[in-house]
Amino acid sequence: MSAQHQPRANPEDTRARIIDTADGLFRRLGFAKTAVADIAAELDMSPANIYRFFASKNAIVEALCQRHLGTIESEAWSIARSRGPAVARVERLFLEIVAYFKRHLLGDERVMEIVMAAIEHSWEAIGTHKDTMRTVLELILRDGIEGGEFEPVDPRETADTIMRAMTCYTHPVLVAECMDEGQDLDAEVRKSVRFLLRAITPRG
């Protein structure tokens, strides 16, 4: 088929290919050593074409960050809307966050370099993600209050307090530090969740 008759690529598909390729190069070469020209060469396109979709390498890593955060949020909403005791769902929520970090973002120095770059350049995306996760937790708490598992506390305020207290299990750099120290993160998550929820569990 001649070039002039080839179907034009969908812009979203092209963006996804750029992100996928950049992710692979970041992991292989390191974020700092990967240039936009390297990403373009890997895709057999010009750097100018990359810049049609992303203003800079930092914009690419921000899009990569948003993809990871979106996956975490999707799983979080699934947990929030599932059946079962609210206590168990809160526990599953934080266990899943830690599990995601273990599977995709930790254990490799070059991957940690990507994580640090994403944190540095994606403040708006990360702020939006924090708000989303707090809303997810609030939904679970509301279910627990309505079902009598929890005292009639302010669910929004309580969700905010719990998220702040669980920061060491929701921040990839802190999770990595805990792993380096050899902590049993799953056990620590369960212990922390139960301790915090005991404060809003009806007595007797």
C-alpha atoms as a PDB file:
ATOM      1  CA  MET A   1       0.000   0.000   0.000  1.00  0.00           C
ATOM      2  CA  SER A   2       1.440   3.395  -0.941  1.00  0.00           C
ATOM      3  CA  ALA A   3       2.157   5.923   1.783  1.00  0.00           C
ATOM      4  CA  GLN A   4      -0.545   8.283   0.497  1.00  0.00           C
ATOM      5  CA  HIS A   5      -3.183   5.541   0.877  1.00  0.00           C
ATOM      6  CA  GLN A   6      -2.141   4.391   4.360  1.00  0.00           C
ATOM      7  CA  PRO A   7      -4.752   5.210   7.012  1.00  0.00           C
ATOM      8  CA  ARG A   8      -3.753   8.033   9.308  1.00  0.00           C
ATOM      9  CA  ALA A   9      -2.923   6.975  12.854  1.00  0.00           C
ATOM     10  CA  ASN A  10      -5.400   7.926  15.538  1.00  0.00           C
ATOM     11  CA  PRO A  11      -3.832  10.743  17.628  1.00  0.00           C
ATOM     12  CA  GLU A  12      -4.655   8.946  20.877  1.00  0.00           C
ATOM     13  CA  ASP A  13      -3.030   5.759  19.581  1.00  0.00           C
ATOM     14  CA  THR A  14       0.078   7.747  18.652  1.00  0.00           C
ATOM     15  CA  ARG A  15       0.183   9.360  22.099  1.00  0.00           C
ATOM     16  CA  ALA A  16      -0.102   5.932  23.699  1.00  0.00           C
ATOM     17  CA  ARG A  17       2.741   4.575  21.529  1.00  0.00           C
ATOM     18  CA  ILE A  18       4.950   7.508  22.490  1.00  0.00           C
ATOM     19  CA  ILE A  19       4.239   6.958  26.194  1.00  0.00           C
ATOM     20  CA  ASP A  20       4.854   3.210  25.911  1.00  0.00           C
ATOM     21  CA  THR A  21       8.110   3.716  24.041  1.00  0.00           C
ATOM     22  CA  ALA A  22       9.318   6.411  26.421  1.00  0.00           C
ATOM     23  CA  ASP A  23       8.530   4.188  29.404  1.00  0.00           C
ATOM     24  CA  GLY A  24      10.586   1.361  27.895  1.00  0.00           C
ATOM     25  CA  LEU A  25      13.543   3.639  27.177  1.00  0.00           C
ATOM     26  CA  PHE A  26      13.378   5.300  30.599  1.00  0.00           C
ATOM     27  CA  ARG A  27      13.548   1.848  32.195  1.00  0.00           C
ATOM     28  CA  ARG A  28      16.352   0.690  29.898  1.00  0.00           C
ATOM     29  CA  LEU A  29      18.535   3.799  29.649  1.00  0.00           C
ATOM     30  CA  GLY A  30      17.377   5.864  32.615  1.00  0.00           C
ATOM     31  CA  PHE A  31      15.192   8.980  32.563  1.00  0.00           C
ATOM     32  CA  ALA A  32      18.074  11.459  32.542  1.00  0.00           C
ATOM     33  CA  LYS A  33      19.894   9.723  29.660  1.00  0.00           C
ATOM     34  CA  THR A  34      16.837   9.402  27.437  1.00  0.00           C
ATOM     35  CA  ALA A  35      16.254  12.277  25.010  1.00  0.00           C
ATOM     36  CA  VAL A  36      13.192  13.036  22.924  1.00  0.00           C
ATOM     37  CA  ALA A  37      15.363  12.188  19.895  1.00  0.00           C
ATOM     38  CA  ASP A  38      15.849   8.665  21.304  1.00  0.00           C
ATOM     39  CA  ILE A  39      12.093   8.207  21.667  1.00  0.00           C
ATOM     40  CA  ALA A  40      11.559   9.492  18.118  1.00  0.00           C
ATOM     41  CA  ALA A  41      14.227   7.175  16.682  1.00  0.00           C
ATOM     42  CA  GLU A  42      12.698   4.178  18.448  1.00  0.00           C
ATOM     43  CA  LEU A  43       9.342   5.014  16.831  1.00  0.00           C
ATOM     44  CA  ASP A  44      10.924   5.804  13.446  1.00  0.00           C
ATOM     45  CA  MET A  45       9.560   9.339  13.494  1.00  0.00           C
ATOM     46  CA  SER A  46      11.059  12.808  13.799  1.00  0.00           C
ATOM     47  CA  PRO A  47      11.491  14.629  17.123  1.00  0.00           C
ATOM     48  CA  ALA A  48       9.238  17.354  15.680  1.00  0.00           C
ATOM     49  CA  ASN A  49       6.469  14.789  15.428  1.00  0.00           C
ATOM     50  CA  ILE A  50       6.884  13.897  19.118  1.00  0.00           C
ATOM     51  CA  TYR A  51       6.571  17.591  19.968  1.00  0.00           C
ATOM     52  CA  ARG A  52       3.227  17.700  18.165  1.00  0.00           C
ATOM     53  CA  PHE A  53       1.882  15.519  20.965  1.00  0.00           C
ATOM     54  CA  PHE A  54       4.054  16.467  23.952  1.00  0.00           C
ATOM     55  CA  ALA A  55       5.694  19.811  24.637  1.00  0.00           C
ATOM     56  CA  SER A  56       8.692  18.221  26.368  1.00  0.00           C
ATOM     57  CA  LYS A  57      10.137  15.052  27.864  1.00  0.00           C
ATOM     58  CA  ASN A  58       8.700  16.182  31.195  1.00  0.00           C
ATOM     59  CA  ALA A  59       5.232  16.273  29.609  1.00  0.00           C
ATOM     60  CA  ILE A  60       5.707  12.653  28.541  1.00  0.00           C
ATOM     61  CA  VAL A  61       6.646  11.538  32.037  1.00  0.00           C
ATOM     62  CA  GLU A  62       3.663  13.470  33.396  1.00  0.00           C
ATOM     63  CA  ALA A  63       1.382  11.548  31.020  1.00  0.00           C
ATOM     64  CA  LEU A  64       3.038   8.330  32.173  1.00  0.00           C
ATOM     65  CA  CYS A  65       2.388   9.349  35.777  1.00  0.00           C
ATOM     66  CA  GLN A  66      -1.282  10.054  34.985  1.00  0.00           C
ATOM     67  CA  ARG A  67      -1.619   6.619  33.395  1.00  0.00           C
ATOM     68  CA  HIS A  68      -0.331   4.890  36.542  1.00  0.00           C
ATOM     69  CA  LEU A  69      -2.493   7.035  38.807  1.00  0.00           C
ATOM     70  CA  GLY A  70      -5.535   6.332  36.640  1.00  0.00           C
ATOM     71  CA  THR A  71      -4.997   2.591  36.964  1.00  0.00           C
ATOM     72  CA  ILE A  72      -4.750   2.874  40.751  1.00  0.00           C
ATOM     73  CA  GLU A  73      -7.915   4.996  40.857  1.00  0.00           C
ATOM     74  CA  SER A  74      -9.838   2.515  38.721  1.00  0.00           C
ATOM     75  CA  GLU A  75      -8.974  -0.324  41.096  1.00  0.00           C
ATOM     76  CA  ALA A  76      -9.773   1.877  44.096  1.00  0.00           C
ATOM     77  CA  TRP A  77     -13.272   2.670  42.780  1.00  0.00           C
ATOM     78  CA  SER A  78     -13.833  -1.034  42.141  1.00  0.00           C
ATOM     79  CA  ILE A  79     -12.953  -1.811  45.768  1.00  0.00           C
ATOM     80  CA  ALA A  80     -15.137   1.034  47.088  1.00  0.00           C
ATOM     81  CA  ARG A  81     -18.172  -0.171  45.120  1.00  0.00           C
ATOM     82  CA  SER A  82     -17.731  -3.838  45.986  1.00  0.00           C
ATOM     83  CA  ARG A  83     -19.714  -5.645  48.652  1.00  0.00           C
ATOM     84  CA  GLY A  84     -18.498  -6.635  52.085  1.00  0.00           C
ATOM     85  CA  PRO A  85     -17.692  -4.921  55.371  1.00  0.00           C
ATOM     86  CA  ALA A  86     -16.376  -1.373  55.117  1.00  0.00           C
ATOM     87  CA  VAL A  87     -13.427  -2.250  57.357  1.00  0.00           C
ATOM     88  CA  ALA A  88     -12.319  -4.961  54.931  1.00  0.00           C
ATOM     89  CA  ARG A  89     -12.680  -2.602  51.962  1.00  0.00           C
ATOM     90  CA  VAL A  90     -10.563   0.099  53.607  1.00  0.00           C
ATOM     91  CA  GLU A  91      -7.889  -2.505  54.253  1.00  0.00           C
ATOM     92  CA  ARG A  92      -8.065  -3.780  50.655  1.00  0.00           C
ATOM     93  CA  LEU A  93      -7.785  -0.217  49.349  1.00  0.00           C
ATOM     94  CA  PHE A  94      -4.425   0.418  50.976  1.00  0.00           C
ATOM     95  CA  LEU A  95      -3.143  -3.103  50.337  1.00  0.00           C
ATOM     96  CA  GLU A  96      -3.873  -2.668  46.633  1.00  0.00           C
ATOM     97  CA  ILE A  97      -2.002   0.663  46.489  1.00  0.00           C
ATOM     98  CA  VAL A  98       1.072  -0.948  48.029  1.00  0.00           C
ATOM     99  CA  ALA A  99       0.754  -3.985  45.746  1.00  0.00           C
ATOM    100  CA  TYR A 100       0.589  -1.736  42.669  1.00  0.00           C
ATOM    101  CA  PHE A 101       3.757   0.090  43.686  1.00  0.00           C
ATOM    102  CA  LYS A 102       5.523  -3.228  44.246  1.00  0.00           C
ATOM    103  CA  ARG A 103       4.454  -4.575  40.838  1.00  0.00           C
ATOM    104  CA  HIS A 104       5.084  -1.527  38.678  1.00  0.00           C
ATOM    105  CA  LEU A 105       7.057   1.268  40.292  1.00  0.00           C
ATOM    106  CA  LEU A 106       9.613  -0.100  42.714  1.00  0.00           C
ATOM    107  CA  GLY A 107      12.603  -2.401  42.929  1.00  0.00           C
ATOM    108  CA  ASP A 108      14.646  -0.831  40.106  1.00  0.00           C
ATOM    109  CA  GLU A 109      16.867   2.241  40.370  1.00  0.00           C
ATOM    110  CA  ARG A 110      15.904   3.427  36.864  1.00  0.00           C
ATOM    111  CA  VAL A 111      12.210   3.034  37.620  1.00  0.00           C
ATOM    112  CA  MET A 112      12.665   5.058  40.802  1.00  0.00           C
ATOM    113  CA  GLU A 113      14.283   7.760  38.671  1.00  0.00           C
ATOM    114  CA  ILE A 114      11.062   7.893  36.623  1.00  0.00           C
ATOM    115  CA  VAL A 115       8.987   8.053  39.817  1.00  0.00           C
ATOM    116  CA  MET A 116      11.046  10.966  41.157  1.00  0.00           C
ATOM    117  CA  ALA A 117      10.743  12.823  37.832  1.00  0.00           C
ATOM    118  CA  ALA A 118       6.982  12.233  37.806  1.00  0.00           C
ATOM    119  CA  ILE A 119       6.640  13.569  41.348  1.00  0.00           C
ATOM    120  CA  GLU A 120       8.692  16.645  40.458  1.00  0.00           C
ATOM    121  CA  HIS A 121       6.784  17.500  37.279  1.00  0.00           C
ATOM    122  CA  SER A 122       3.244  16.244  37.961  1.00  0.00           C
ATOM    123  CA  TRP A 123       2.094  18.184  41.005  1.00  0.00           C
ATOM    124  CA  GLU A 124      -1.320  18.999  39.529  1.00  0.00           C
ATOM    125  CA  ALA A 125      -1.972  15.376  38.520  1.00  0.00           C
ATOM    126  CA  ILE A 126      -0.839  14.118  41.912  1.00  0.00           C
ATOM    127  CA  GLY A 127      -3.016  16.660  43.721  1.00  0.00           C
ATOM    128  CA  THR A 128      -6.039  15.557  41.703  1.00  0.00           C
ATOM    129  CA  HIS A 129      -5.178  11.927  42.458  1.00  0.00           C
ATOM    130  CA  LYS A 130      -5.053  12.625  46.198  1.00  0.00           C
ATOM    131  CA  ASP A 131      -8.499  14.229  46.038  1.00  0.00           C
ATOM    132  CA  THR A 132      -9.856  11.226  44.137  1.00  0.00           C
ATOM    133  CA  MET A 133      -8.451   8.703  46.597  1.00  0.00           C
ATOM    134  CA  ARG A 134      -9.841  10.695  49.525  1.00  0.00           C
ATOM    135  CA  THR A 135     -13.259  10.651  47.845  1.00  0.00           C
ATOM    136  CA  VAL A 136     -12.990   6.881  47.346  1.00  0.00           C
ATOM    137  CA  LEU A 137     -12.213   6.401  51.022  1.00  0.00           C
ATOM    138  CA  GLU A 138     -15.048   8.762  51.975  1.00  0.00           C
ATOM    139  CA  LEU A 139     -17.493   6.588  50.023  1.00  0.00           C
ATOM    140  CA  ILE A 140     -16.406   3.480  51.948  1.00  0.00           C
ATOM    141  CA  LEU A 141     -16.677   5.329  55.255  1.00  0.00           C
ATOM    142  CA  ARG A 142     -20.199   6.512  54.409  1.00  0.00           C
ATOM    143  CA  ASP A 143     -21.190   2.895  53.778  1.00  0.00           C
ATOM    144  CA  GLY A 144     -19.670   1.912  57.125  1.00  0.00           C
ATOM    145  CA  ILE A 145     -21.527   4.694  58.938  1.00  0.00           C
ATOM    146  CA  GLU A 146     -24.842   3.771  57.330  1.00  0.00           C
ATOM    147  CA  GLY A 147     -24.277   0.103  58.157  1.00  0.00           C
ATOM    148  CA  GLY A 148     -23.443   0.795  61.799  1.00  0.00           C
ATOM    149  CA  GLU A 149     -19.791  -0.281  61.506  1.00  0.00           C
ATOM    150  CA  PHE A 150     -18.589   3.238  62.280  1.00  0.00           C
ATOM    151  CA  GLU A 151     -19.698   6.077  64.521  1.00  0.00           C
ATOM    152  CA  PRO A 152     -21.574   8.936  62.744  1.00  0.00           C
ATOM    153  CA  VAL A 153     -18.401  10.940  62.159  1.00  0.00           C
ATOM    154  CA  ASP A 154     -17.840  13.464  59.375  1.00  0.00           C
ATOM    155  CA  PRO A 155     -16.840  11.098  56.528  1.00  0.00           C
ATOM    156  CA  ARG A 156     -14.936  13.711  54.515  1.00  0.00           C
ATOM    157  CA  GLU A 157     -12.905  14.943  57.465  1.00  0.00           C
ATOM    158  CA  THR A 158     -12.244  11.385  58.645  1.00  0.00           C
ATOM    159  CA  ALA A 159     -11.164  10.271  55.167  1.00  0.00           C
ATOM    160  CA  ASP A 160      -8.706  13.177  55.069  1.00  0.00           C
ATOM    161  CA  THR A 161      -7.297  12.236  58.483  1.00  0.00           C
ATOM    162  CA  ILE A 162      -6.864   8.583  57.527  1.00  0.00           C
ATOM    163  CA  MET A 163      -5.206   9.431  54.188  1.00  0.00           C
ATOM    164  CA  ARG A 164      -2.717  11.678  55.974  1.00  0.00           C
ATOM    165  CA  ALA A 165      -1.988   8.991  58.566  1.00  0.00           C
ATOM    166  CA  MET A 166      -1.450   6.386  55.811  1.00  0.00           C
ATOM    167  CA  THR A 167       0.903   8.542  53.717  1.00  0.00           C
ATOM    168  CA  CYS A 168       3.794   6.121  54.171  1.00  0.00           C
ATOM    169  CA  TYR A 169       1.746   3.476  52.305  1.00  0.00           C
ATOM    170  CA  THR A 170       0.483   5.759  49.511  1.00  0.00           C
ATOM    171  CA  HIS A 171       3.716   7.538  48.555  1.00  0.00           C
ATOM    172  CA  PRO A 172       5.956   5.399  46.308  1.00  0.00           C
ATOM    173  CA  VAL A 173       9.214   6.787  47.682  1.00  0.00           C
ATOM    174  CA  LEU A 174       8.184   6.057  51.280  1.00  0.00           C
ATOM    175  CA  VAL A 175       6.963   2.583  50.291  1.00  0.00           C
ATOM    176  CA  ALA A 176      10.355   1.957  48.666  1.00  0.00           C
ATOM    177  CA  GLU A 177      12.132   3.015  51.864  1.00  0.00           C
ATOM    178  CA  CYS A 178      10.003   0.632  53.925  1.00  0.00           C
ATOM    179  CA  MET A 179      10.811  -2.175  51.498  1.00  0.00           C
ATOM    180  CA  ASP A 180      14.528  -1.417  51.752  1.00  0.00           C
ATOM    181  CA  GLU A 181      14.216  -1.726  55.514  1.00  0.00           C
ATOM    182  CA  GLY A 182      12.707  -5.185  55.065  1.00  0.00           C
ATOM    183  CA  GLN A 183       9.321  -4.300  56.552  1.00  0.00           C
ATOM    184  CA  ASP A 184       6.348  -6.594  56.016  1.00  0.00           C
ATOM    185  CA  LEU A 185       4.257  -3.889  54.376  1.00  0.00           C
ATOM    186  CA  ASP A 186       1.059  -5.912  54.120  1.00  0.00           C
ATOM    187  CA  ALA A 187       1.150  -6.652  57.844  1.00  0.00           C
ATOM    188  CA  GLU A 188       1.928  -3.002  58.628  1.00  0.00           C
ATOM    189  CA  VAL A 189      -0.943  -1.783  56.435  1.00  0.00           C
ATOM    190  CA  ARG A 190      -3.416  -4.101  58.188  1.00  0.00           C
ATOM    191  CA  LYS A 191      -2.158  -3.066  61.611  1.00  0.00           C
ATOM    192  CA  SER A 192      -2.359   0.655  60.796  1.00  0.00           C
ATOM    193  CA  VAL A 193      -5.833   0.450  59.241  1.00  0.00           C
ATOM    194  CA  ARG A 194      -7.232  -1.469  62.211  1.00  0.00           C
ATOM    195  CA  PHE A 195      -5.654   0.991  64.657  1.00  0.00           C
ATOM    196  CA  LEU A 196      -7.132   4.012  62.855  1.00  0.00           C
ATOM    197  CA  LEU A 197     -10.593   2.524  62.353  1.00  0.00           C
ATOM    198  CA  ARG A 198     -10.784   1.512  66.019  1.00  0.00           C
ATOM    199  CA  ALA A 199     -11.162   5.249  66.761  1.00  0.00           C
ATOM    200  CA  ILE A 200     -14.505   5.374  64.909  1.00  0.00           C
ATOM    201  CA  THR A 201     -15.801   1.887  65.746  1.00  0.00           C
ATOM    202  CA  PRO A 202     -18.766   1.866  68.181  1.00  0.00           C
ATOM    203  CA  ARG A 203     -17.892   0.556  71.644  1.00  0.00           C
ATOM    204  CA  GLY A 204     -19.831  -2.369  73.041  1.00  0.00           C
END
